[in-house]
Amino acid sequence: MTDYYTDVLRTPAPNLPAEELPNLSSIAKEQSIADIIKLLRLVLALAVKSDKKEEYVQTIYTLSPEAQKALMYLLQQVCSSCDIVSENRSCPIPHLEDVQEKVA
């Protein structure tokens, strides 16, 4: 993922504290839910910085309301990270408010 940030997004990878990084061994061996969520947050961070963010939001619209709510919670966490928030201090996900209203 670090390479994707630097090579594709041309931006430094987020500097996360060690406790926020997923333990891939725990995911593989123990199916650690906490580490899966940490990994999902990193993937979402990549998605909101990519050129395809509009597509990802449209895909969220097709999910169940429960799945949309869970993703919205994680997306809000991603957006609150200073490495992900755009210069105008708003979330870089287009139509985030629309998704939030739909799942409310």
N, C-alpha and C. Protein backbone atom coordinates (compact mmCIF):
# COMPACT_ATOMS: atom_id res chain seq x y z
N MET A 1 0.82 -1.19 0.00
CA MET A 1 0.00 0.00 0.00
C MET A 1 0.87 1.26 0.00
N THR A 2 1.96 1.19 0.69
CA THR A 2 2.87 2.34 0.73
C THR A 2 3.35 2.67 -0.66
N ASP A 3 3.68 1.65 -1.44
CA ASP A 3 4.12 1.87 -2.81
C ASP A 3 3.02 2.51 -3.65
N TYR A 4 1.79 2.12 -3.43
CA TYR A 4 0.68 2.69 -4.18
C TYR A 4 0.57 4.19 -3.92
N TYR A 5 0.70 4.58 -2.65
CA TYR A 5 0.68 6.01 -2.33
C TYR A 5 1.75 6.76 -3.10
N THR A 6 2.98 6.26 -3.03
CA THR A 6 4.09 7.00 -3.65
C THR A 6 4.11 6.88 -5.17
N ASP A 7 3.86 5.68 -5.70
CA ASP A 7 3.97 5.45 -7.13
C ASP A 7 2.76 5.92 -7.93
N VAL A 8 1.58 5.68 -7.42
CA VAL A 8 0.37 6.00 -8.17
C VAL A 8 -0.23 7.34 -7.76
N LEU A 9 -0.39 7.54 -6.46
CA LEU A 9 -1.01 8.77 -5.98
C LEU A 9 -0.03 9.93 -5.88
N ARG A 10 1.25 9.60 -5.96
CA ARG A 10 2.31 10.62 -5.89
C ARG A 10 2.21 11.47 -4.62
N THR A 11 1.96 10.80 -3.52
CA THR A 11 1.84 11.45 -2.22
C THR A 11 2.45 10.55 -1.16
N PRO A 12 2.98 11.10 -0.10
CA PRO A 12 3.53 10.23 0.93
C PRO A 12 2.43 9.42 1.62
N ALA A 13 2.76 8.23 2.01
CA ALA A 13 1.81 7.39 2.74
C ALA A 13 1.54 8.01 4.10
N PRO A 14 0.33 7.78 4.66
CA PRO A 14 0.05 8.35 5.97
C PRO A 14 1.02 7.81 7.01
N ASN A 15 1.41 8.67 7.90
CA ASN A 15 2.31 8.30 8.98
C ASN A 15 1.46 7.91 10.18
N LEU A 16 1.08 6.64 10.25
CA LEU A 16 0.19 6.17 11.30
C LEU A 16 0.98 5.61 12.47
N PRO A 17 0.45 5.77 13.69
CA PRO A 17 1.10 5.13 14.83
C PRO A 17 1.02 3.62 14.69
N ALA A 18 1.96 2.92 15.29
CA ALA A 18 2.05 1.46 15.16
C ALA A 18 0.75 0.76 15.54
N GLU A 19 0.05 1.28 16.54
CA GLU A 19 -1.20 0.62 16.97
C GLU A 19 -2.32 0.76 15.95
N GLU A 20 -2.18 1.64 14.97
CA GLU A 20 -3.19 1.81 13.93
C GLU A 20 -2.89 0.97 12.69
N LEU A 21 -1.72 0.35 12.63
CA LEU A 21 -1.37 -0.48 11.49
C LEU A 21 -1.91 -1.89 11.67
N PRO A 22 -2.46 -2.49 10.62
CA PRO A 22 -2.99 -3.84 10.76
C PRO A 22 -1.87 -4.87 10.89
N ASN A 23 -2.12 -5.88 11.69
CA ASN A 23 -1.21 -7.00 11.81
C ASN A 23 -1.69 -8.07 10.83
N LEU A 24 -1.02 -8.19 9.71
CA LEU A 24 -1.46 -9.11 8.66
C LEU A 24 -1.39 -10.56 9.11
N SER A 25 -0.46 -10.88 9.98
CA SER A 25 -0.38 -12.25 10.52
C SER A 25 -1.62 -12.57 11.35
N SER A 26 -2.07 -11.61 12.14
CA SER A 26 -3.28 -11.82 12.94
C SER A 26 -4.50 -12.00 12.05
N ILE A 27 -4.52 -11.29 10.95
CA ILE A 27 -5.64 -11.45 10.02
C ILE A 27 -5.62 -12.86 9.43
N ALA A 28 -4.44 -13.30 8.98
CA ALA A 28 -4.33 -14.60 8.33
C ALA A 28 -4.53 -15.77 9.30
N LYS A 29 -3.94 -15.69 10.47
CA LYS A 29 -3.96 -16.82 11.40
C LYS A 29 -5.18 -16.83 12.31
N GLU A 30 -5.61 -15.65 12.74
CA GLU A 30 -6.65 -15.58 13.77
C GLU A 30 -7.93 -14.89 13.30
N GLN A 31 -7.95 -14.43 12.05
CA GLN A 31 -9.08 -13.68 11.52
C GLN A 31 -9.44 -12.51 12.45
N SER A 32 -8.42 -11.77 12.90
CA SER A 32 -8.59 -10.66 13.83
C SER A 32 -9.47 -9.57 13.21
N ILE A 33 -10.65 -9.38 13.80
CA ILE A 33 -11.58 -8.37 13.31
C ILE A 33 -10.98 -6.97 13.45
N ALA A 34 -10.32 -6.71 14.57
CA ALA A 34 -9.72 -5.39 14.78
C ALA A 34 -8.70 -5.07 13.69
N ASP A 35 -7.89 -6.05 13.33
CA ASP A 35 -6.89 -5.82 12.29
C ASP A 35 -7.51 -5.75 10.90
N ILE A 36 -8.57 -6.47 10.68
CA ILE A 36 -9.28 -6.38 9.40
C ILE A 36 -9.86 -4.97 9.24
N ILE A 37 -10.40 -4.41 10.31
CA ILE A 37 -10.94 -3.05 10.26
C ILE A 37 -9.82 -2.05 10.00
N LYS A 38 -8.66 -2.24 10.62
CA LYS A 38 -7.53 -1.34 10.37
C LYS A 38 -7.11 -1.41 8.91
N LEU A 39 -7.09 -2.62 8.34
CA LEU A 39 -6.74 -2.79 6.93
C LEU A 39 -7.79 -2.12 6.05
N LEU A 40 -9.05 -2.30 6.38
CA LEU A 40 -10.12 -1.69 5.61
C LEU A 40 -10.00 -0.17 5.61
N ARG A 41 -9.65 0.41 6.76
CA ARG A 41 -9.46 1.87 6.82
C ARG A 41 -8.37 2.32 5.86
N LEU A 42 -7.27 1.56 5.79
CA LEU A 42 -6.19 1.91 4.88
C LEU A 42 -6.64 1.81 3.42
N VAL A 43 -7.41 0.79 3.11
CA VAL A 43 -7.92 0.63 1.75
C VAL A 43 -8.88 1.78 1.41
N LEU A 44 -9.73 2.15 2.36
CA LEU A 44 -10.64 3.28 2.13
C LEU A 44 -9.87 4.58 1.94
N ALA A 45 -8.79 4.73 2.68
CA ALA A 45 -7.96 5.93 2.52
C ALA A 45 -7.42 6.01 1.09
N LEU A 46 -7.01 4.87 0.56
CA LEU A 46 -6.55 4.84 -0.83
C LEU A 46 -7.69 5.17 -1.79
N ALA A 47 -8.85 4.63 -1.51
CA ALA A 47 -10.00 4.84 -2.40
C ALA A 47 -10.39 6.31 -2.48
N VAL A 48 -10.40 7.00 -1.33
CA VAL A 48 -10.83 8.40 -1.36
C VAL A 48 -9.80 9.32 -1.97
N LYS A 49 -8.60 8.84 -2.14
CA LYS A 49 -7.57 9.66 -2.80
C LYS A 49 -7.39 9.28 -4.26
N SER A 50 -8.07 8.25 -4.71
CA SER A 50 -7.88 7.78 -6.08
C SER A 50 -8.73 8.56 -7.06
N ASP A 51 -8.43 8.37 -8.34
CA ASP A 51 -9.21 9.00 -9.40
C ASP A 51 -10.59 8.36 -9.55
N LYS A 52 -10.80 7.20 -8.96
CA LYS A 52 -12.06 6.48 -9.11
C LYS A 52 -12.99 6.65 -7.91
N LYS A 53 -12.78 7.69 -7.11
CA LYS A 53 -13.59 7.84 -5.91
C LYS A 53 -15.08 7.94 -6.22
N GLU A 54 -15.45 8.56 -7.34
CA GLU A 54 -16.87 8.64 -7.74
C GLU A 54 -17.46 7.25 -7.93
N GLU A 55 -16.70 6.36 -8.56
CA GLU A 55 -17.17 4.98 -8.77
C GLU A 55 -17.40 4.27 -7.45
N TYR A 56 -16.49 4.48 -6.51
CA TYR A 56 -16.61 3.82 -5.22
C TYR A 56 -17.85 4.30 -4.47
N VAL A 57 -18.14 5.59 -4.56
CA VAL A 57 -19.34 6.11 -3.91
C VAL A 57 -20.58 5.51 -4.56
N GLN A 58 -20.59 5.41 -5.88
CA GLN A 58 -21.73 4.80 -6.57
C GLN A 58 -21.92 3.35 -6.15
N THR A 59 -20.82 2.66 -5.92
CA THR A 59 -20.91 1.26 -5.46
C THR A 59 -21.51 1.21 -4.06
N ILE A 60 -21.18 2.16 -3.22
CA ILE A 60 -21.75 2.21 -1.87
C ILE A 60 -23.27 2.31 -1.94
N TYR A 61 -23.77 3.08 -2.91
CA TYR A 61 -25.22 3.22 -3.08
C TYR A 61 -25.92 1.88 -3.32
N THR A 62 -25.21 0.90 -3.87
CA THR A 62 -25.84 -0.39 -4.19
C THR A 62 -25.85 -1.36 -3.02
N LEU A 63 -25.18 -1.02 -1.93
CA LEU A 63 -25.09 -1.91 -0.78
C LEU A 63 -26.32 -1.79 0.11
N SER A 64 -26.47 -2.75 1.01
CA SER A 64 -27.57 -2.71 1.96
C SER A 64 -27.40 -1.50 2.89
N PRO A 65 -28.48 -1.03 3.48
CA PRO A 65 -28.36 0.10 4.42
C PRO A 65 -27.38 -0.17 5.57
N GLU A 66 -27.35 -1.40 6.05
CA GLU A 66 -26.43 -1.74 7.14
C GLU A 66 -24.98 -1.64 6.69
N ALA A 67 -24.69 -2.13 5.50
CA ALA A 67 -23.33 -2.06 4.96
C ALA A 67 -22.94 -0.61 4.69
N GLN A 68 -23.90 0.17 4.18
CA GLN A 68 -23.63 1.59 3.92
C GLN A 68 -23.29 2.31 5.22
N LYS A 69 -24.03 2.04 6.27
CA LYS A 69 -23.76 2.68 7.56
C LYS A 69 -22.38 2.31 8.09
N ALA A 70 -22.03 1.04 7.98
CA ALA A 70 -20.71 0.60 8.45
C ALA A 70 -19.60 1.28 7.66
N LEU A 71 -19.75 1.33 6.35
CA LEU A 71 -18.74 2.01 5.52
C LEU A 71 -18.70 3.50 5.80
N MET A 72 -19.84 4.11 6.01
CA MET A 72 -19.87 5.54 6.30
C MET A 72 -19.11 5.84 7.59
N TYR A 73 -19.28 4.98 8.58
CA TYR A 73 -18.55 5.17 9.84
C TYR A 73 -17.04 5.13 9.59
N LEU A 74 -16.60 4.14 8.83
CA LEU A 74 -15.18 4.02 8.52
C LEU A 74 -14.70 5.17 7.63
N LEU A 75 -15.52 5.59 6.68
CA LEU A 75 -15.15 6.71 5.82
C LEU A 75 -15.01 8.00 6.63
N GLN A 76 -15.88 8.18 7.61
CA GLN A 76 -15.76 9.37 8.45
C GLN A 76 -14.46 9.34 9.25
N GLN A 77 -14.06 8.14 9.71
CA GLN A 77 -12.78 8.02 10.41
C GLN A 77 -11.64 8.37 9.47
N VAL A 78 -11.72 7.88 8.23
CA VAL A 78 -10.68 8.17 7.24
C VAL A 78 -10.62 9.67 6.99
N CYS A 79 -11.78 10.30 6.83
CA CYS A 79 -11.83 11.73 6.54
C CYS A 79 -11.33 12.58 7.69
N SER A 80 -11.39 12.07 8.89
CA SER A 80 -10.92 12.86 10.03
C SER A 80 -9.40 12.81 10.16
N SER A 81 -8.75 11.93 9.41
CA SER A 81 -7.29 11.84 9.43
C SER A 81 -6.72 13.04 8.69
N CYS A 82 -5.76 13.71 9.28
CA CYS A 82 -5.18 14.90 8.64
C CYS A 82 -4.42 14.55 7.37
N ASP A 83 -4.07 13.29 7.17
CA ASP A 83 -3.40 12.89 5.94
C ASP A 83 -4.39 12.74 4.79
N ILE A 84 -5.66 12.60 5.10
CA ILE A 84 -6.65 12.34 4.07
C ILE A 84 -7.50 13.57 3.79
N VAL A 85 -7.71 14.41 4.78
CA VAL A 85 -8.57 15.58 4.61
C VAL A 85 -7.94 16.54 3.62
N SER A 86 -8.74 17.07 2.75
CA SER A 86 -8.24 17.98 1.73
C SER A 86 -7.94 19.35 2.32
N GLU A 87 -7.39 20.22 1.50
CA GLU A 87 -6.96 21.54 1.95
C GLU A 87 -8.10 22.37 2.53
N ASN A 88 -9.30 22.21 2.03
CA ASN A 88 -10.41 23.01 2.54
C ASN A 88 -11.06 22.38 3.77
N ARG A 89 -10.40 21.38 4.35
CA ARG A 89 -10.82 20.72 5.58
C ARG A 89 -12.13 19.97 5.45
N SER A 90 -12.53 19.64 4.24
CA SER A 90 -13.72 18.84 4.05
C SER A 90 -13.31 17.47 3.52
N CYS A 91 -14.22 16.55 3.61
CA CYS A 91 -13.92 15.20 3.16
C CYS A 91 -13.80 15.17 1.65
N PRO A 92 -12.77 14.50 1.12
CA PRO A 92 -12.57 14.48 -0.32
C PRO A 92 -13.47 13.49 -1.06
N ILE A 93 -14.44 12.91 -0.38
CA ILE A 93 -15.34 11.96 -1.03
C ILE A 93 -16.51 12.74 -1.61
N PRO A 94 -16.70 12.66 -2.94
CA PRO A 94 -17.81 13.39 -3.54
C PRO A 94 -19.14 12.83 -3.06
N HIS A 95 -20.09 13.70 -2.82
CA HIS A 95 -21.44 13.31 -2.44
C HIS A 95 -21.50 12.57 -1.11
N LEU A 96 -20.52 12.75 -0.23
CA LEU A 96 -20.55 12.07 1.06
C LEU A 96 -21.82 12.42 1.82
N GLU A 97 -22.22 13.68 1.75
CA GLU A 97 -23.44 14.09 2.46
C GLU A 97 -24.66 13.35 1.93
N ASP A 98 -24.72 13.14 0.61
CA ASP A 98 -25.83 12.40 0.02
C ASP A 98 -25.90 10.97 0.55
N VAL A 99 -24.73 10.34 0.65
CA VAL A 99 -24.68 8.96 1.16
C VAL A 99 -25.11 8.96 2.61
N GLN A 100 -24.64 9.93 3.39
CA GLN A 100 -25.00 10.00 4.81
C GLN A 100 -26.51 10.16 4.97
N GLU A 101 -27.12 11.03 4.17
CA GLU A 101 -28.57 11.23 4.25
C GLU A 101 -29.31 9.97 3.86
N LYS A 102 -28.83 9.27 2.88
CA LYS A 102 -29.51 8.06 2.40
C LYS A 102 -29.52 6.98 3.46
N VAL A 103 -28.45 6.84 4.24
CA VAL A 103 -28.38 5.76 5.21
C VAL A 103 -28.89 6.19 6.59
N ALA A 104 -29.21 7.46 6.75
CA ALA A 104 -29.67 7.95 8.06
C ALA A 104 -31.07 7.45 8.39
